[in-house]
Amino acid sequence: MPIVNQATGEIDNAEIFVAVLGASNYVFSEATRSQKLIDWTGSHVRAFEFFGGVPELLIPDNVRSGVTKACRYDPAVNSTYQQLAEHYGTVVIPARPRKPKDKSKAEFGVQIIERWILARLRHHTFFSLRELNLCIQSLLEEVNNKPYQKLNGTRKEWFESIDKPVLSPLPGHPYEYTEIKHVKVNIDYHVQFHDHCYSVPHHLVDERIEVHAKANIVAFYFHLKQVSSHVRKYYPGMTTTPEHMPVRHRLTTNLGPRNTSIVCSGDELLV
C-alpha cells in the first residue's frame, strides 16, 4: 500500500503483514514499513496481543527476516526470531519450500485481506503508517465478523469457542526487539557494535561471541553464558569496564578497583 510523504510528495510502499489462526481462520493484519527483522518481530508481538494469547506453533513463510536458510528438512531460523519464540513459549516450524499447503491458512488469509481490505482502500490516499493501520484495523473487525458462506457463524465466533481457549497466556511483558550479531573480540578486548566499542573480559581475545543489543542494553554471550553488558551508546567511542582489563593495563591507567567503567574516544587504553 502506498504512503505519500506530505513534505516531499515521495511515495513509499508499506508492507502488509498477515497472521491467521489454524482452526477458526481468525485473521490479524497490519501495515509495516518493511519486512526487516524489527518490523517482522514487532508484527508478531502485536498479533499475539490481538489474539490475546500465543499458539503452540508458528508456521512462517521463508521470509529472510524469519528464516536464514530455507530447507525442506532442517531450516535455520533467525536468532532473533528464535529468541522471540522462546520468550513466548512457542515453536517456529517454517513452511517447506515449494509446499504451499504447509501455509495454506496464511495464503487464504492474504487473499481475504487483499479482497476485503486492500481492494477497498486502493483509491484512498494515506499520508502516514498510523493512518493506514487505523483503516485496516476498522475493516479487520468487519472481516472477522463477516458470516461464513458455507459454515455457520463467523471467524470471531469460531475464535472465541475453538482457538482462544487453547492459546497459551501472554508473558508478563512483551518481547523487546533484540539485534543479535556474531563478532570476534579484538586484540584490545573490545567489540565494535554500530560505531561504539564495548569491553569484554580480556581472556576472550580472538574468540567469537554473540552480541545481544536491545534499545538500552548491549550484552555479550560466550557459549550461551553472559560475560559482559553495557549501557548502549549511540555515538562513536569506547566503553570499558576496568575488571575486563589485564592487570598491567589497569595499573598503567591508574584505575582503582572501585571504578566501574570509563568512556573514552580513542585508543587510550592500549599500552
C-alpha atoms as a PDB file:
ATOM      1  CA  MET A   1       0.000   0.000   0.000  1.00  0.00           C
ATOM      2  CA  PRO A   2       1.413   3.412  -0.983  1.00  0.00           C
ATOM      3  CA  ILE A   3       2.063   6.081   1.663  1.00  0.00           C
ATOM      4  CA  VAL A   4       2.653   9.645   0.500  1.00  0.00           C
ATOM      5  CA  ASN A   5       5.203  11.881   2.193  1.00  0.00           C
ATOM      6  CA  GLN A   6       3.368  15.169   2.727  1.00  0.00           C
ATOM      7  CA  ALA A   7       6.574  17.202   2.751  1.00  0.00           C
ATOM      8  CA  THR A   8       8.172  15.868  -0.436  1.00  0.00           C
ATOM      9  CA  GLY A   9       5.386  14.056  -2.273  1.00  0.00           C
ATOM     10  CA  GLU A  10       7.503  10.900  -2.429  1.00  0.00           C
ATOM     11  CA  ILE A  11       5.682   7.577  -2.267  1.00  0.00           C
ATOM     12  CA  ASP A  12       6.826   4.646  -0.126  1.00  0.00           C
ATOM     13  CA  ASN A  13       5.136   1.268  -0.271  1.00  0.00           C
ATOM     14  CA  ALA A  14       4.134  -0.214   3.084  1.00  0.00           C
ATOM     15  CA  GLU A  15       4.320  -3.979   3.558  1.00  0.00           C
ATOM     16  CA  ILE A  16       1.235  -5.878   4.748  1.00  0.00           C
ATOM     17  CA  PHE A  17       1.691  -8.491   7.495  1.00  0.00           C
ATOM     18  CA  VAL A  18      -0.955 -11.232   7.798  1.00  0.00           C
ATOM     19  CA  ALA A  19      -1.330 -13.883  10.539  1.00  0.00           C
ATOM     20  CA  VAL A  20      -4.116 -16.475  10.674  1.00  0.00           C
ATOM     21  CA  LEU A  21      -5.106 -18.900  13.432  1.00  0.00           C
ATOM     22  CA  GLY A  22      -5.409 -22.505  12.308  1.00  0.00           C
ATOM     23  CA  ALA A  23      -8.895 -23.629  13.341  1.00  0.00           C
ATOM     24  CA  SER A  24     -11.061 -20.513  13.192  1.00  0.00           C
ATOM     25  CA  ASN A  25      -9.270 -18.623  10.382  1.00  0.00           C
ATOM     26  CA  TYR A  26      -9.361 -15.596  12.696  1.00  0.00           C
ATOM     27  CA  VAL A  27      -7.076 -13.107  10.970  1.00  0.00           C
ATOM     28  CA  PHE A  28      -4.770 -10.287  12.044  1.00  0.00           C
ATOM     29  CA  SER A  29      -3.195  -7.800   9.659  1.00  0.00           C
ATOM     30  CA  GLU A  30      -1.251  -4.559   9.796  1.00  0.00           C
ATOM     31  CA  ALA A  31       0.959  -2.372   7.637  1.00  0.00           C
ATOM     32  CA  THR A  32       4.685  -2.042   8.367  1.00  0.00           C
ATOM     33  CA  ARG A  33       7.475  -0.001   6.844  1.00  0.00           C
ATOM     34  CA  SER A  34       9.438  -3.024   5.664  1.00  0.00           C
ATOM     35  CA  GLN A  35       9.989  -6.748   6.033  1.00  0.00           C
ATOM     36  CA  LYS A  36      13.111  -6.151   8.112  1.00  0.00           C
ATOM     37  CA  LEU A  37      13.585  -8.093  11.314  1.00  0.00           C
ATOM     38  CA  ILE A  38      12.498  -5.284  13.632  1.00  0.00           C
ATOM     39  CA  ASP A  39       9.177  -4.939  11.772  1.00  0.00           C
ATOM     40  CA  TRP A  40       8.741  -8.723  11.411  1.00  0.00           C
ATOM     41  CA  THR A  41       9.135  -9.396  15.138  1.00  0.00           C
ATOM     42  CA  GLY A  42       7.102  -6.316  16.080  1.00  0.00           C
ATOM     43  CA  SER A  43       4.176  -7.578  13.994  1.00  0.00           C
ATOM     44  CA  HIS A  44       4.313 -10.905  15.837  1.00  0.00           C
ATOM     45  CA  VAL A  45       4.165  -9.137  19.196  1.00  0.00           C
ATOM     46  CA  ARG A  46       1.129  -7.133  18.122  1.00  0.00           C
ATOM     47  CA  ALA A  47      -0.511 -10.228  16.612  1.00  0.00           C
ATOM     48  CA  PHE A  48      -0.196 -12.108  19.929  1.00  0.00           C
ATOM     49  CA  GLU A  49      -1.706  -9.133  21.750  1.00  0.00           C
ATOM     50  CA  PHE A  50      -4.559  -9.019  19.214  1.00  0.00           C
ATOM     51  CA  PHE A  51      -5.264 -12.735  19.712  1.00  0.00           C
ATOM     52  CA  GLY A  52      -4.886 -12.409  23.472  1.00  0.00           C
ATOM     53  CA  GLY A  53      -2.613 -15.454  23.642  1.00  0.00           C
ATOM     54  CA  VAL A  54       0.090 -17.488  21.934  1.00  0.00           C
ATOM     55  CA  PRO A  55      -0.345 -20.537  19.650  1.00  0.00           C
ATOM     56  CA  GLU A  56       1.759 -23.666  20.074  1.00  0.00           C
ATOM     57  CA  LEU A  57       3.318 -23.324  16.613  1.00  0.00           C
ATOM     58  CA  LEU A  58       4.399 -20.527  14.297  1.00  0.00           C
ATOM     59  CA  ILE A  59       4.487 -21.547  10.633  1.00  0.00           C
ATOM     60  CA  PRO A  60       6.016 -18.653   8.666  1.00  0.00           C
ATOM     61  CA  ASP A  61       6.811 -18.407   5.010  1.00  0.00           C
ATOM     62  CA  ASN A  62      10.525 -18.478   4.234  1.00  0.00           C
ATOM     63  CA  VAL A  63      10.892 -14.718   4.503  1.00  0.00           C
ATOM     64  CA  ARG A  64      14.536 -13.767   5.083  1.00  0.00           C
ATOM     65  CA  SER A  65      13.739 -11.979   8.360  1.00  0.00           C
ATOM     66  CA  GLY A  66      12.451 -15.224   9.868  1.00  0.00           C
ATOM     67  CA  VAL A  67      14.384 -17.994   8.142  1.00  0.00           C
ATOM     68  CA  THR A  68      18.083 -17.611   7.364  1.00  0.00           C
ATOM     69  CA  LYS A  69      18.317 -20.917   5.492  1.00  0.00           C
ATOM     70  CA  ALA A  70      15.312 -22.482   3.803  1.00  0.00           C
ATOM     71  CA  CYS A  71      15.432 -26.273   3.845  1.00  0.00           C
ATOM     72  CA  ARG A  72      12.800 -28.948   3.496  1.00  0.00           C
ATOM     73  CA  TYR A  73      14.098 -30.952   6.453  1.00  0.00           C
ATOM     74  CA  ASP A  74      16.328 -28.696   8.582  1.00  0.00           C
ATOM     75  CA  PRO A  75      15.649 -24.961   8.113  1.00  0.00           C
ATOM     76  CA  ALA A  76      17.710 -22.405  10.030  1.00  0.00           C
ATOM     77  CA  VAL A  77      15.632 -19.866  11.963  1.00  0.00           C
ATOM     78  CA  ASN A  78      16.956 -16.363  12.522  1.00  0.00           C
ATOM     79  CA  SER A  79      18.428 -15.995  16.035  1.00  0.00           C
ATOM     80  CA  THR A  80      16.257 -13.014  16.958  1.00  0.00           C
ATOM     81  CA  TYR A  81      13.117 -14.725  15.680  1.00  0.00           C
ATOM     82  CA  GLN A  82      14.029 -17.830  17.673  1.00  0.00           C
ATOM     83  CA  GLN A  83      14.546 -15.669  20.764  1.00  0.00           C
ATOM     84  CA  LEU A  84      11.062 -14.199  20.284  1.00  0.00           C
ATOM     85  CA  ALA A  85       9.590 -17.712  20.053  1.00  0.00           C
ATOM     86  CA  GLU A  86      11.354 -18.751  23.270  1.00  0.00           C
ATOM     87  CA  HIS A  87      10.112 -15.617  25.045  1.00  0.00           C
ATOM     88  CA  TYR A  88       6.515 -16.558  24.190  1.00  0.00           C
ATOM     89  CA  GLY A  89       6.967 -20.311  24.735  1.00  0.00           C
ATOM     90  CA  THR A  90       6.169 -21.300  21.169  1.00  0.00           C
ATOM     91  CA  VAL A  91       7.964 -23.146  18.355  1.00  0.00           C
ATOM     92  CA  VAL A  92       8.869 -21.992  14.846  1.00  0.00           C
ATOM     93  CA  ILE A  93       8.372 -24.559  12.068  1.00  0.00           C
ATOM     94  CA  PRO A  94       8.856 -22.790   8.704  1.00  0.00           C
ATOM     95  CA  ALA A  95       6.838 -23.915   5.723  1.00  0.00           C
ATOM     96  CA  ARG A  96       8.799 -26.170   3.379  1.00  0.00           C
ATOM     97  CA  PRO A  97       9.985 -24.560   0.130  1.00  0.00           C
ATOM     98  CA  ARG A  98       7.524 -25.081  -2.739  1.00  0.00           C
ATOM     99  CA  LYS A  99       4.953 -26.635  -0.389  1.00  0.00           C
ATOM    100  CA  PRO A 100       2.100 -24.073  -0.347  1.00  0.00           C
ATOM    101  CA  LYS A 101      -0.182 -26.441   1.585  1.00  0.00           C
ATOM    102  CA  ASP A 102       2.104 -26.019   4.619  1.00  0.00           C
ATOM    103  CA  LYS A 103       0.885 -22.422   4.887  1.00  0.00           C
ATOM    104  CA  SER A 104      -2.480 -22.693   3.165  1.00  0.00           C
ATOM    105  CA  LYS A 105      -4.204 -20.838   6.025  1.00  0.00           C
ATOM    106  CA  ALA A 106      -1.897 -17.853   5.570  1.00  0.00           C
ATOM    107  CA  GLU A 107      -2.253 -17.960   1.774  1.00  0.00           C
ATOM    108  CA  PHE A 108      -6.032 -17.854   2.142  1.00  0.00           C
ATOM    109  CA  GLY A 109      -5.742 -15.112   4.759  1.00  0.00           C
ATOM    110  CA  VAL A 110      -3.720 -12.985   2.343  1.00  0.00           C
ATOM    111  CA  GLN A 111      -6.458 -13.379  -0.274  1.00  0.00           C
ATOM    112  CA  ILE A 112      -9.071 -12.294   2.266  1.00  0.00           C
ATOM    113  CA  ILE A 113      -7.059  -9.191   3.230  1.00  0.00           C
ATOM    114  CA  GLU A 114      -6.443  -8.299  -0.422  1.00  0.00           C
ATOM    115  CA  ARG A 115     -10.108  -8.744  -1.346  1.00  0.00           C
ATOM    116  CA  TRP A 116     -11.904  -7.232   1.634  1.00  0.00           C
ATOM    117  CA  ILE A 117      -9.416  -4.624   2.870  1.00  0.00           C
ATOM    118  CA  LEU A 118      -6.731  -3.601   0.381  1.00  0.00           C
ATOM    119  CA  ALA A 119      -9.102  -3.524  -2.578  1.00  0.00           C
ATOM    120  CA  ARG A 120     -11.451  -1.232  -0.647  1.00  0.00           C
ATOM    121  CA  LEU A 121      -8.600   1.103   0.258  1.00  0.00           C
ATOM    122  CA  ARG A 122      -6.971   1.267  -3.185  1.00  0.00           C
ATOM    123  CA  HIS A 123      -8.496   4.652  -4.066  1.00  0.00           C
ATOM    124  CA  HIS A 124      -7.634   6.233  -0.705  1.00  0.00           C
ATOM    125  CA  THR A 125      -4.522   8.330  -0.174  1.00  0.00           C
ATOM    126  CA  PHE A 126      -2.598   7.769   3.061  1.00  0.00           C
ATOM    127  CA  PHE A 127      -0.007  10.127   4.500  1.00  0.00           C
ATOM    128  CA  SER A 128       1.222   8.005   7.434  1.00  0.00           C
ATOM    129  CA  LEU A 129       1.551   4.411   8.518  1.00  0.00           C
ATOM    130  CA  ARG A 130      -0.679   5.109  11.528  1.00  0.00           C
ATOM    131  CA  GLU A 131      -3.445   6.442   9.293  1.00  0.00           C
ATOM    132  CA  LEU A 132      -3.307   3.315   7.113  1.00  0.00           C
ATOM    133  CA  ASN A 133      -3.334   0.981  10.119  1.00  0.00           C
ATOM    134  CA  LEU A 134      -6.381   2.699  11.624  1.00  0.00           C
ATOM    135  CA  CYS A 135      -8.300   1.924   8.431  1.00  0.00           C
ATOM    136  CA  ILE A 136      -7.010  -1.652   8.318  1.00  0.00           C
ATOM    137  CA  GLN A 137      -7.988  -2.152  11.971  1.00  0.00           C
ATOM    138  CA  SER A 138     -11.521  -0.918  11.320  1.00  0.00           C
ATOM    139  CA  LEU A 139     -12.032  -3.156   8.274  1.00  0.00           C
ATOM    140  CA  LEU A 140     -10.365  -6.113  10.011  1.00  0.00           C
ATOM    141  CA  GLU A 141     -13.105  -6.086  12.633  1.00  0.00           C
ATOM    142  CA  GLU A 142     -15.642  -6.252   9.832  1.00  0.00           C
ATOM    143  CA  VAL A 143     -13.851  -9.163   8.137  1.00  0.00           C
ATOM    144  CA  ASN A 144     -13.664 -11.245  11.313  1.00  0.00           C
ATOM    145  CA  ASN A 145     -17.354 -10.673  11.995  1.00  0.00           C
ATOM    146  CA  LYS A 146     -18.428 -11.474   8.449  1.00  0.00           C
ATOM    147  CA  PRO A 147     -20.554 -14.701   8.302  1.00  0.00           C
ATOM    148  CA  TYR A 148     -19.001 -17.718   6.608  1.00  0.00           C
ATOM    149  CA  GLN A 149     -20.520 -18.610   3.244  1.00  0.00           C
ATOM    150  CA  LYS A 150     -20.554 -22.386   3.751  1.00  0.00           C
ATOM    151  CA  LEU A 151     -20.368 -22.659   7.542  1.00  0.00           C
ATOM    152  CA  ASN A 152     -22.389 -21.363  10.436  1.00  0.00           C
ATOM    153  CA  GLY A 153     -21.074 -18.415  12.417  1.00  0.00           C
ATOM    154  CA  THR A 154     -18.161 -16.019  11.912  1.00  0.00           C
ATOM    155  CA  ARG A 155     -14.401 -16.106  12.367  1.00  0.00           C
ATOM    156  CA  LYS A 156     -14.787 -14.177  15.623  1.00  0.00           C
ATOM    157  CA  GLU A 157     -17.324 -16.684  16.982  1.00  0.00           C
ATOM    158  CA  TRP A 158     -15.205 -19.665  15.998  1.00  0.00           C
ATOM    159  CA  PHE A 159     -12.152 -17.999  17.508  1.00  0.00           C
ATOM    160  CA  GLU A 160     -13.935 -17.452  20.830  1.00  0.00           C
ATOM    161  CA  SER A 161     -15.120 -21.078  21.011  1.00  0.00           C
ATOM    162  CA  ILE A 162     -12.212 -23.036  19.451  1.00  0.00           C
ATOM    163  CA  ASP A 163      -8.902 -21.185  19.288  1.00  0.00           C
ATOM    164  CA  LYS A 164      -8.959 -18.762  22.217  1.00  0.00           C
ATOM    165  CA  PRO A 165      -9.465 -21.398  24.966  1.00  0.00           C
ATOM    166  CA  VAL A 166      -6.310 -23.286  23.945  1.00  0.00           C
ATOM    167  CA  LEU A 167      -3.967 -20.343  23.402  1.00  0.00           C
ATOM    168  CA  SER A 168      -1.108 -20.057  25.895  1.00  0.00           C
ATOM    169  CA  PRO A 169      -1.245 -16.939  28.094  1.00  0.00           C
ATOM    170  CA  LEU A 170       0.872 -13.940  27.196  1.00  0.00           C
ATOM    171  CA  PRO A 171       4.060 -13.488  29.262  1.00  0.00           C
ATOM    172  CA  GLY A 172       4.336 -10.766  31.863  1.00  0.00           C
ATOM    173  CA  HIS A 173       5.904  -8.324  29.404  1.00  0.00           C
ATOM    174  CA  PRO A 174       6.094  -8.214  25.599  1.00  0.00           C
ATOM    175  CA  TYR A 175       9.198  -9.227  23.715  1.00  0.00           C
ATOM    176  CA  GLU A 176      11.701  -6.414  23.248  1.00  0.00           C
ATOM    177  CA  TYR A 177      13.430  -6.437  19.884  1.00  0.00           C
ATOM    178  CA  THR A 178      16.992  -7.702  20.210  1.00  0.00           C
ATOM    179  CA  GLU A 179      19.543  -7.451  17.438  1.00  0.00           C
ATOM    180  CA  ILE A 180      21.846 -10.493  17.565  1.00  0.00           C
ATOM    181  CA  LYS A 181      25.199 -10.488  15.864  1.00  0.00           C
ATOM    182  CA  HIS A 182      28.209 -12.839  15.908  1.00  0.00           C
ATOM    183  CA  VAL A 183      31.513 -10.989  16.242  1.00  0.00           C
ATOM    184  CA  LYS A 184      35.178 -11.625  17.012  1.00  0.00           C
ATOM    185  CA  VAL A 185      36.801  -9.983  20.046  1.00  0.00           C
ATOM    186  CA  ASN A 186      39.547  -7.545  19.052  1.00  0.00           C
ATOM    187  CA  ILE A 187      43.080  -7.726  20.428  1.00  0.00           C
ATOM    188  CA  ASP A 188      42.214  -4.784  22.705  1.00  0.00           C
ATOM    189  CA  TYR A 189      39.425  -6.967  24.312  1.00  0.00           C
ATOM    190  CA  HIS A 190      36.740  -4.717  22.851  1.00  0.00           C
ATOM    191  CA  VAL A 191      33.908  -5.448  20.449  1.00  0.00           C
ATOM    192  CA  GLN A 192      32.645  -2.872  17.997  1.00  0.00           C
ATOM    193  CA  PHE A 193      28.898  -2.562  17.525  1.00  0.00           C
ATOM    194  CA  HIS A 194      27.430   0.278  15.471  1.00  0.00           C
ATOM    195  CA  ASP A 195      30.425   2.649  15.767  1.00  0.00           C
ATOM    196  CA  HIS A 196      30.876   2.147  19.531  1.00  0.00           C
ATOM    197  CA  CYS A 197      33.343  -0.260  21.181  1.00  0.00           C
ATOM    198  CA  TYR A 198      32.476  -2.209  24.359  1.00  0.00           C
ATOM    199  CA  SER A 199      34.825  -4.181  26.570  1.00  0.00           C
ATOM    200  CA  VAL A 200      34.610  -7.890  27.414  1.00  0.00           C
ATOM    201  CA  PRO A 201      36.904  -9.949  29.686  1.00  0.00           C
ATOM    202  CA  HIS A 202      40.406  -9.856  28.195  1.00  0.00           C
ATOM    203  CA  HIS A 203      40.765 -13.662  28.113  1.00  0.00           C
ATOM    204  CA  LEU A 204      38.191 -13.711  25.303  1.00  0.00           C
ATOM    205  CA  VAL A 205      40.536 -12.025  22.817  1.00  0.00           C
ATOM    206  CA  ASP A 206      40.177 -13.651  19.351  1.00  0.00           C
ATOM    207  CA  GLU A 207      37.105 -15.630  20.457  1.00  0.00           C
ATOM    208  CA  ARG A 208      33.790 -15.401  18.601  1.00  0.00           C
ATOM    209  CA  ILE A 209      30.940 -14.205  20.799  1.00  0.00           C
ATOM    210  CA  GLU A 210      27.312 -13.127  20.404  1.00  0.00           C
ATOM    211  CA  VAL A 211      26.131  -9.532  20.754  1.00  0.00           C
ATOM    212  CA  HIS A 212      22.553  -9.102  22.007  1.00  0.00           C
ATOM    213  CA  ALA A 213      21.599  -5.449  21.562  1.00  0.00           C
ATOM    214  CA  LYS A 214      18.355  -4.007  22.928  1.00  0.00           C
ATOM    215  CA  ALA A 215      17.316  -0.365  22.887  1.00  0.00           C
ATOM    216  CA  ASN A 216      19.192   0.467  26.109  1.00  0.00           C
ATOM    217  CA  ILE A 217      21.460  -2.513  26.850  1.00  0.00           C
ATOM    218  CA  VAL A 218      24.166  -4.367  24.925  1.00  0.00           C
ATOM    219  CA  ALA A 219      25.003  -7.811  26.337  1.00  0.00           C
ATOM    220  CA  PHE A 220      27.693 -10.263  25.219  1.00  0.00           C
ATOM    221  CA  TYR A 221      27.470 -14.060  25.360  1.00  0.00           C
ATOM    222  CA  PHE A 222      30.137 -16.743  25.066  1.00  0.00           C
ATOM    223  CA  HIS A 223      28.970 -20.364  24.861  1.00  0.00           C
ATOM    224  CA  LEU A 224      25.437 -19.233  25.832  1.00  0.00           C
ATOM    225  CA  LYS A 225      26.709 -17.560  29.036  1.00  0.00           C
ATOM    226  CA  GLN A 226      26.589 -13.801  29.524  1.00  0.00           C
ATOM    227  CA  VAL A 227      30.103 -12.439  30.028  1.00  0.00           C
ATOM    228  CA  SER A 228      29.532  -8.688  29.841  1.00  0.00           C
ATOM    229  CA  SER A 229      26.859  -5.990  29.494  1.00  0.00           C
ATOM    230  CA  HIS A 230      26.916  -2.242  28.983  1.00  0.00           C
ATOM    231  CA  VAL A 231      24.509   0.649  28.633  1.00  0.00           C
ATOM    232  CA  ARG A 232      24.038   1.074  24.886  1.00  0.00           C
ATOM    233  CA  LYS A 233      25.721   4.128  23.359  1.00  0.00           C
ATOM    234  CA  TYR A 234      24.609   5.650  20.069  1.00  0.00           C
ATOM    235  CA  TYR A 235      27.770   7.618  19.301  1.00  0.00           C
ATOM    236  CA  PRO A 236      31.370   6.710  18.351  1.00  0.00           C
ATOM    237  CA  GLY A 237      33.695   5.956  21.250  1.00  0.00           C
ATOM    238  CA  MET A 238      34.796   3.258  23.673  1.00  0.00           C
ATOM    239  CA  THR A 239      33.240   1.975  26.919  1.00  0.00           C
ATOM    240  CA  THR A 240      35.478  -0.075  29.200  1.00  0.00           C
ATOM    241  CA  THR A 241      34.904  -1.897  32.467  1.00  0.00           C
ATOM    242  CA  PRO A 242      38.220  -1.943  34.451  1.00  0.00           C
ATOM    243  CA  GLU A 243      37.693  -5.570  35.571  1.00  0.00           C
ATOM    244  CA  HIS A 244      37.880  -6.614  31.912  1.00  0.00           C
ATOM    245  CA  MET A 245      41.416  -5.241  31.561  1.00  0.00           C
ATOM    246  CA  PRO A 246      44.652  -7.153  32.190  1.00  0.00           C
ATOM    247  CA  VAL A 247      46.294  -6.126  35.476  1.00  0.00           C
ATOM    248  CA  ARG A 248      49.141  -4.237  33.802  1.00  0.00           C
ATOM    249  CA  HIS A 249      46.691  -2.154  31.755  1.00  0.00           C
ATOM    250  CA  ARG A 250      44.693  -1.348  34.851  1.00  0.00           C
ATOM    251  CA  LEU A 251      47.813  -0.246  36.738  1.00  0.00           C
ATOM    252  CA  THR A 252      49.041   1.855  33.840  1.00  0.00           C
ATOM    253  CA  THR A 253      45.754   3.734  33.540  1.00  0.00           C
ATOM    254  CA  ASN A 254      45.567   4.200  37.348  1.00  0.00           C
ATOM    255  CA  LEU A 255      42.106   2.696  37.633  1.00  0.00           C
ATOM    256  CA  GLY A 256      41.344   1.526  41.136  1.00  0.00           C
ATOM    257  CA  PRO A 257      39.140  -1.449  41.945  1.00  0.00           C
ATOM    258  CA  ARG A 258      36.212   0.802  42.872  1.00  0.00           C
ATOM    259  CA  ASN A 259      35.935   2.266  39.378  1.00  0.00           C
ATOM    260  CA  THR A 260      33.096   0.671  37.469  1.00  0.00           C
ATOM    261  CA  SER A 261      33.616   1.959  33.956  1.00  0.00           C
ATOM    262  CA  ILE A 262      35.258   4.618  31.854  1.00  0.00           C
ATOM    263  CA  VAL A 263      34.366   6.059  28.498  1.00  0.00           C
ATOM    264  CA  CYS A 264      36.950   7.395  26.071  1.00  0.00           C
ATOM    265  CA  SER A 265      37.007   8.287  22.420  1.00  0.00           C
ATOM    266  CA  GLY A 266      40.128   6.590  21.140  1.00  0.00           C
ATOM    267  CA  ASP A 267      42.772   4.014  21.894  1.00  0.00           C
ATOM    268  CA  GLU A 268      43.942   5.470  25.203  1.00  0.00           C
ATOM    269  CA  LEU A 269      43.514   2.080  26.893  1.00  0.00           C
ATOM    270  CA  LEU A 270      46.077   0.374  24.700  1.00  0.00           C
ATOM    271  CA  VAL A 271      49.550   0.137  26.225  1.00  0.00           C
END
